[in-house]
């Protein structure tokens, strides 16, 4: 079975921290492949929004972005017991808005790595 592909901004300190955090907390057998969002076309995605929010392309072709991508990724970690909280009524709309605010301010809040 194919691994899910996560498209993230490797210039973003917060995104890189999230990737490292996931690597430490990932469940055995729940591996994902991390790629820079500029590789979106190679993953079959032409979504320019890949640079604006974390995306995950699942093995079945389904694509989740932003809050919904984080929610899915949490289910692949030892923190999977928290995943049901992301489905509580009222949480998704708040999570989407919070995610968008953090994503729009990520460089200002967490800094940016200069790419070679």
N, C-alpha and C. Protein backbone atom coordinates (compact mmCIF):
# COMPACT_ATOMS: atom_id res chain seq x y z
N UNK A 1 0.84 -1.19 0.00
CA UNK A 1 0.00 0.00 0.00
C UNK A 1 0.88 1.25 0.00
N UNK A 2 0.47 2.25 -0.76
CA UNK A 2 1.21 3.51 -0.82
C UNK A 2 1.12 4.26 0.49
N UNK A 3 2.19 4.97 0.80
CA UNK A 3 2.19 5.84 1.97
C UNK A 3 1.45 7.13 1.62
N UNK A 4 0.76 7.70 2.57
CA UNK A 4 0.21 9.04 2.34
C UNK A 4 1.37 10.02 2.11
N UNK A 5 1.15 11.01 1.27
CA UNK A 5 2.15 12.03 0.98
C UNK A 5 1.72 13.33 1.65
N UNK A 6 2.62 13.88 2.46
CA UNK A 6 2.35 15.15 3.13
C UNK A 6 3.16 16.22 2.44
N UNK A 7 2.47 17.26 1.98
CA UNK A 7 3.11 18.41 1.35
C UNK A 7 3.15 19.54 2.37
N UNK A 8 4.36 20.01 2.66
CA UNK A 8 4.52 21.04 3.68
C UNK A 8 5.53 22.07 3.20
N UNK A 9 5.64 23.15 3.94
CA UNK A 9 6.55 24.24 3.61
C UNK A 9 7.84 24.03 4.38
N UNK A 10 8.87 23.55 3.71
CA UNK A 10 10.12 23.27 4.41
C UNK A 10 10.92 24.53 4.70
N UNK A 11 10.41 25.69 4.33
CA UNK A 11 11.03 26.96 4.71
C UNK A 11 10.45 27.49 6.01
N UNK A 12 9.39 26.89 6.46
CA UNK A 12 8.68 27.34 7.65
C UNK A 12 9.19 26.58 8.88
N UNK A 13 9.69 27.32 9.87
CA UNK A 13 10.20 26.68 11.09
C UNK A 13 9.13 25.85 11.79
N UNK A 14 7.91 26.36 11.86
CA UNK A 14 6.84 25.63 12.52
C UNK A 14 6.52 24.34 11.78
N UNK A 15 6.50 24.40 10.45
CA UNK A 15 6.20 23.21 9.66
C UNK A 15 7.28 22.15 9.86
N UNK A 16 8.53 22.59 9.90
CA UNK A 16 9.64 21.65 10.12
C UNK A 16 9.58 21.05 11.52
N UNK A 17 9.20 21.86 12.51
CA UNK A 17 9.02 21.35 13.86
C UNK A 17 7.92 20.31 13.88
N UNK A 18 6.80 20.57 13.19
CA UNK A 18 5.69 19.64 13.12
C UNK A 18 6.13 18.32 12.50
N UNK A 19 6.93 18.40 11.44
CA UNK A 19 7.42 17.19 10.79
C UNK A 19 8.30 16.39 11.75
N UNK A 20 9.19 17.06 12.47
CA UNK A 20 10.06 16.38 13.42
C UNK A 20 9.23 15.75 14.54
N UNK A 21 8.23 16.49 15.04
CA UNK A 21 7.34 16.00 16.08
C UNK A 21 6.62 14.74 15.61
N UNK A 22 6.13 14.77 14.38
CA UNK A 22 5.44 13.62 13.83
C UNK A 22 6.38 12.41 13.76
N UNK A 23 7.62 12.64 13.35
CA UNK A 23 8.59 11.56 13.25
C UNK A 23 8.84 10.87 14.58
N UNK A 24 8.78 11.62 15.64
CA UNK A 24 9.01 11.06 16.98
C UNK A 24 7.78 10.37 17.55
N UNK A 25 6.61 10.84 17.17
CA UNK A 25 5.37 10.30 17.76
C UNK A 25 4.61 9.37 16.81
N UNK A 26 5.11 9.16 15.61
CA UNK A 26 4.41 8.33 14.64
C UNK A 26 4.26 6.89 15.10
N UNK A 27 3.11 6.32 14.82
CA UNK A 27 2.85 4.92 15.16
C UNK A 27 3.54 3.99 14.17
N UNK A 28 3.99 2.83 14.65
CA UNK A 28 4.58 1.85 13.72
C UNK A 28 3.57 1.47 12.64
N UNK A 29 4.03 1.41 11.41
CA UNK A 29 3.15 1.04 10.30
C UNK A 29 2.30 2.18 9.78
N UNK A 30 2.44 3.37 10.36
CA UNK A 30 1.66 4.54 9.93
C UNK A 30 2.59 5.60 9.34
N UNK A 31 3.51 5.15 8.50
CA UNK A 31 4.48 6.05 7.90
C UNK A 31 3.84 6.93 6.84
N UNK A 32 4.38 8.12 6.71
CA UNK A 32 3.98 9.03 5.66
C UNK A 32 5.24 9.51 4.95
N UNK A 33 5.07 10.00 3.75
CA UNK A 33 6.18 10.56 2.98
C UNK A 33 6.04 12.07 2.98
N UNK A 34 7.07 12.77 3.44
CA UNK A 34 7.05 14.22 3.52
C UNK A 34 7.73 14.81 2.29
N UNK A 35 7.07 15.77 1.66
CA UNK A 35 7.64 16.45 0.50
C UNK A 35 7.36 17.94 0.59
N UNK A 36 8.28 18.70 0.01
CA UNK A 36 8.09 20.15 -0.06
C UNK A 36 6.91 20.44 -0.99
N UNK A 37 6.14 21.45 -0.67
CA UNK A 37 4.93 21.74 -1.45
C UNK A 37 5.20 22.02 -2.92
N UNK A 38 6.44 22.40 -3.25
CA UNK A 38 6.75 22.65 -4.66
C UNK A 38 6.71 21.37 -5.49
N UNK A 39 6.63 20.22 -4.83
CA UNK A 39 6.54 18.93 -5.52
C UNK A 39 5.08 18.51 -5.73
N UNK A 40 4.15 19.42 -5.52
CA UNK A 40 2.73 19.09 -5.63
C UNK A 40 2.39 18.49 -6.99
N UNK A 41 2.92 19.05 -8.05
CA UNK A 41 2.60 18.53 -9.39
C UNK A 41 3.08 17.10 -9.55
N UNK A 42 4.24 16.76 -8.96
CA UNK A 42 4.76 15.39 -9.04
C UNK A 42 3.87 14.42 -8.28
N UNK A 43 3.06 14.94 -7.38
CA UNK A 43 2.14 14.11 -6.59
C UNK A 43 0.74 14.08 -7.20
N UNK A 44 0.63 14.68 -8.37
CA UNK A 44 -0.68 14.72 -9.03
C UNK A 44 -1.56 15.84 -8.56
N UNK A 45 -0.99 16.81 -7.86
CA UNK A 45 -1.77 17.95 -7.39
C UNK A 45 -1.33 19.20 -8.13
N UNK A 46 -2.27 19.98 -8.55
CA UNK A 46 -1.97 21.25 -9.21
C UNK A 46 -2.49 22.41 -8.38
N UNK A 47 -2.67 22.17 -7.12
CA UNK A 47 -3.27 23.14 -6.22
C UNK A 47 -2.22 24.14 -5.75
N UNK A 48 -2.33 25.39 -6.18
CA UNK A 48 -1.39 26.41 -5.74
C UNK A 48 -1.49 26.64 -4.23
N UNK A 49 -2.58 26.21 -3.64
CA UNK A 49 -2.77 26.38 -2.21
C UNK A 49 -1.86 25.48 -1.38
N UNK A 50 -1.14 24.56 -2.03
CA UNK A 50 -0.22 23.68 -1.29
C UNK A 50 0.83 24.50 -0.55
N UNK A 51 1.13 25.69 -1.02
CA UNK A 51 2.08 26.56 -0.33
C UNK A 51 1.45 27.35 0.79
N UNK A 52 0.14 27.31 0.88
CA UNK A 52 -0.56 28.06 1.90
C UNK A 52 -0.96 27.22 3.11
N UNK A 53 -1.06 25.91 2.92
CA UNK A 53 -1.52 25.03 4.00
C UNK A 53 -0.95 23.63 3.82
N UNK A 54 -0.78 22.95 4.91
CA UNK A 54 -0.35 21.55 4.88
C UNK A 54 -1.38 20.74 4.11
N UNK A 55 -0.91 19.86 3.24
CA UNK A 55 -1.79 18.97 2.48
C UNK A 55 -1.35 17.53 2.70
N UNK A 56 -2.29 16.63 2.68
CA UNK A 56 -1.98 15.21 2.72
C UNK A 56 -2.78 14.52 1.61
N UNK A 57 -2.06 13.77 0.79
CA UNK A 57 -2.71 12.99 -0.25
C UNK A 57 -2.70 11.54 0.23
N UNK A 58 -3.87 10.99 0.45
CA UNK A 58 -4.00 9.64 0.96
C UNK A 58 -3.84 8.62 -0.15
N UNK A 59 -3.60 7.38 0.22
CA UNK A 59 -3.38 6.31 -0.75
C UNK A 59 -4.55 6.16 -1.71
N UNK A 60 -5.76 6.47 -1.26
CA UNK A 60 -6.95 6.34 -2.13
C UNK A 60 -7.15 7.55 -3.04
N UNK A 61 -6.21 8.52 -2.98
CA UNK A 61 -6.29 9.71 -3.83
C UNK A 61 -6.97 10.90 -3.17
N UNK A 62 -7.61 10.69 -2.05
CA UNK A 62 -8.28 11.79 -1.34
C UNK A 62 -7.21 12.78 -0.85
N UNK A 63 -7.52 14.07 -0.94
CA UNK A 63 -6.60 15.12 -0.51
C UNK A 63 -7.27 15.91 0.61
N UNK A 64 -6.55 16.07 1.72
CA UNK A 64 -7.02 16.86 2.84
C UNK A 64 -6.05 18.02 3.02
N UNK A 65 -6.57 19.17 3.44
CA UNK A 65 -5.70 20.33 3.63
C UNK A 65 -5.98 21.00 4.96
N UNK A 66 -4.96 21.70 5.44
CA UNK A 66 -5.09 22.51 6.64
C UNK A 66 -5.50 21.72 7.86
N UNK A 67 -6.51 22.20 8.55
CA UNK A 67 -7.00 21.56 9.77
C UNK A 67 -7.31 20.09 9.54
N UNK A 68 -7.92 19.76 8.41
CA UNK A 68 -8.32 18.38 8.15
C UNK A 68 -7.11 17.48 7.92
N UNK A 69 -6.04 18.03 7.37
CA UNK A 69 -4.80 17.28 7.20
C UNK A 69 -4.16 17.02 8.57
N UNK A 70 -4.13 18.03 9.42
CA UNK A 70 -3.57 17.86 10.77
C UNK A 70 -4.39 16.84 11.54
N UNK A 71 -5.70 16.93 11.41
CA UNK A 71 -6.58 15.98 12.11
C UNK A 71 -6.25 14.55 11.69
N UNK A 72 -6.07 14.31 10.40
CA UNK A 72 -5.74 12.97 9.92
C UNK A 72 -4.36 12.54 10.41
N UNK A 73 -3.39 13.43 10.35
CA UNK A 73 -2.04 13.09 10.78
C UNK A 73 -1.98 12.75 12.26
N UNK A 74 -2.78 13.42 13.07
CA UNK A 74 -2.81 13.11 14.49
C UNK A 74 -3.21 11.66 14.72
N UNK A 75 -4.08 11.14 13.87
CA UNK A 75 -4.52 9.75 13.99
C UNK A 75 -3.39 8.77 13.72
N UNK A 76 -2.29 9.22 13.11
CA UNK A 76 -1.15 8.36 12.81
C UNK A 76 -0.08 8.40 13.90
N UNK A 77 -0.36 9.07 15.02
CA UNK A 77 0.62 9.23 16.09
C UNK A 77 0.12 8.60 17.39
N UNK A 78 1.02 8.60 18.37
CA UNK A 78 0.66 8.09 19.69
C UNK A 78 -0.39 8.98 20.35
N UNK A 79 -0.64 10.13 19.79
CA UNK A 79 -1.69 11.02 20.30
C UNK A 79 -3.03 10.74 19.63
N UNK A 80 -3.15 9.59 19.00
CA UNK A 80 -4.38 9.25 18.27
C UNK A 80 -5.61 9.28 19.16
N UNK A 81 -5.41 9.13 20.46
CA UNK A 81 -6.55 9.18 21.38
C UNK A 81 -7.19 10.57 21.40
N UNK A 82 -6.45 11.59 20.91
CA UNK A 82 -7.01 12.95 20.82
C UNK A 82 -7.85 13.17 19.58
N UNK A 83 -7.68 12.31 18.58
CA UNK A 83 -8.34 12.50 17.29
C UNK A 83 -9.85 12.69 17.41
N UNK A 84 -10.57 11.92 18.24
CA UNK A 84 -12.02 12.14 18.34
C UNK A 84 -12.40 13.57 18.75
N UNK A 85 -11.53 14.25 19.47
CA UNK A 85 -11.83 15.63 19.87
C UNK A 85 -11.94 16.55 18.67
N UNK A 86 -11.20 16.24 17.59
CA UNK A 86 -11.26 17.05 16.38
C UNK A 86 -12.58 16.89 15.64
N UNK A 87 -13.39 15.91 16.03
CA UNK A 87 -14.67 15.66 15.38
C UNK A 87 -15.86 16.17 16.21
N UNK A 88 -15.60 16.68 17.41
CA UNK A 88 -16.67 17.20 18.26
C UNK A 88 -17.35 18.34 17.53
N UNK A 89 -18.69 18.36 17.52
CA UNK A 89 -19.38 19.46 16.84
C UNK A 89 -18.88 20.82 17.32
N UNK A 90 -18.62 21.69 16.39
CA UNK A 90 -18.12 23.02 16.69
C UNK A 90 -16.60 23.13 16.59
N UNK A 91 -15.88 22.03 16.77
CA UNK A 91 -14.42 22.08 16.72
C UNK A 91 -13.91 22.30 15.29
N UNK A 92 -14.42 21.57 14.27
CA UNK A 92 -13.89 21.81 12.93
C UNK A 92 -13.97 23.26 12.45
N UNK A 93 -15.09 23.97 12.59
CA UNK A 93 -15.09 25.35 12.11
C UNK A 93 -14.07 26.24 12.85
N UNK A 94 -13.92 26.01 14.14
CA UNK A 94 -12.94 26.78 14.91
C UNK A 94 -11.53 26.37 14.48
N UNK A 95 -11.31 25.06 14.31
CA UNK A 95 -10.00 24.56 13.89
C UNK A 95 -9.60 25.09 12.53
N UNK A 96 -10.54 25.17 11.60
CA UNK A 96 -10.25 25.69 10.26
C UNK A 96 -9.81 27.15 10.36
N UNK A 97 -10.52 27.95 11.14
CA UNK A 97 -10.18 29.37 11.28
C UNK A 97 -8.86 29.56 12.01
N UNK A 98 -8.64 28.78 13.06
CA UNK A 98 -7.38 28.88 13.81
C UNK A 98 -6.21 28.45 12.93
N UNK A 99 -6.38 27.36 12.20
CA UNK A 99 -5.33 26.89 11.31
C UNK A 99 -5.00 27.97 10.28
N UNK A 100 -6.02 28.56 9.66
CA UNK A 100 -5.80 29.59 8.64
C UNK A 100 -5.05 30.78 9.22
N UNK A 101 -5.40 31.19 10.43
CA UNK A 101 -4.72 32.33 11.06
C UNK A 101 -3.25 32.01 11.31
N UNK A 102 -2.97 30.83 11.87
CA UNK A 102 -1.59 30.43 12.14
C UNK A 102 -0.81 30.32 10.83
N UNK A 103 -1.41 29.68 9.82
CA UNK A 103 -0.74 29.50 8.53
C UNK A 103 -0.40 30.86 7.89
N UNK A 104 -1.31 31.80 7.99
CA UNK A 104 -1.09 33.13 7.40
C UNK A 104 -0.03 33.94 8.14
N UNK A 105 0.22 33.59 9.39
CA UNK A 105 1.17 34.33 10.23
C UNK A 105 2.39 33.51 10.61
N UNK A 106 2.59 32.37 9.98
CA UNK A 106 3.62 31.43 10.43
C UNK A 106 5.04 31.98 10.35
N UNK A 107 5.36 32.74 9.32
CA UNK A 107 6.72 33.28 9.21
C UNK A 107 6.96 34.36 10.26
N UNK A 108 5.96 35.17 10.48
CA UNK A 108 6.09 36.23 11.48
C UNK A 108 6.22 35.65 12.89
N UNK A 109 5.47 34.58 13.17
CA UNK A 109 5.45 33.99 14.51
C UNK A 109 6.63 33.04 14.75
N UNK A 110 7.01 32.25 13.75
CA UNK A 110 7.98 31.19 13.96
C UNK A 110 9.26 31.34 13.14
N UNK A 111 9.27 32.28 12.22
CA UNK A 111 10.46 32.50 11.40
C UNK A 111 10.47 31.67 10.15
N UNK A 112 11.43 31.98 9.29
CA UNK A 112 11.53 31.32 7.99
C UNK A 112 12.97 30.89 7.78
N UNK A 113 13.15 29.66 7.30
CA UNK A 113 14.47 29.16 6.94
C UNK A 113 14.78 29.62 5.53
N UNK A 114 15.98 30.02 5.32
CA UNK A 114 16.41 30.41 3.97
C UNK A 114 16.81 29.13 3.24
N UNK A 115 16.21 28.91 2.08
CA UNK A 115 16.50 27.72 1.28
C UNK A 115 17.69 27.98 0.38
N UNK A 116 18.48 26.96 0.20
CA UNK A 116 19.66 27.08 -0.68
C UNK A 116 19.27 27.00 -2.12
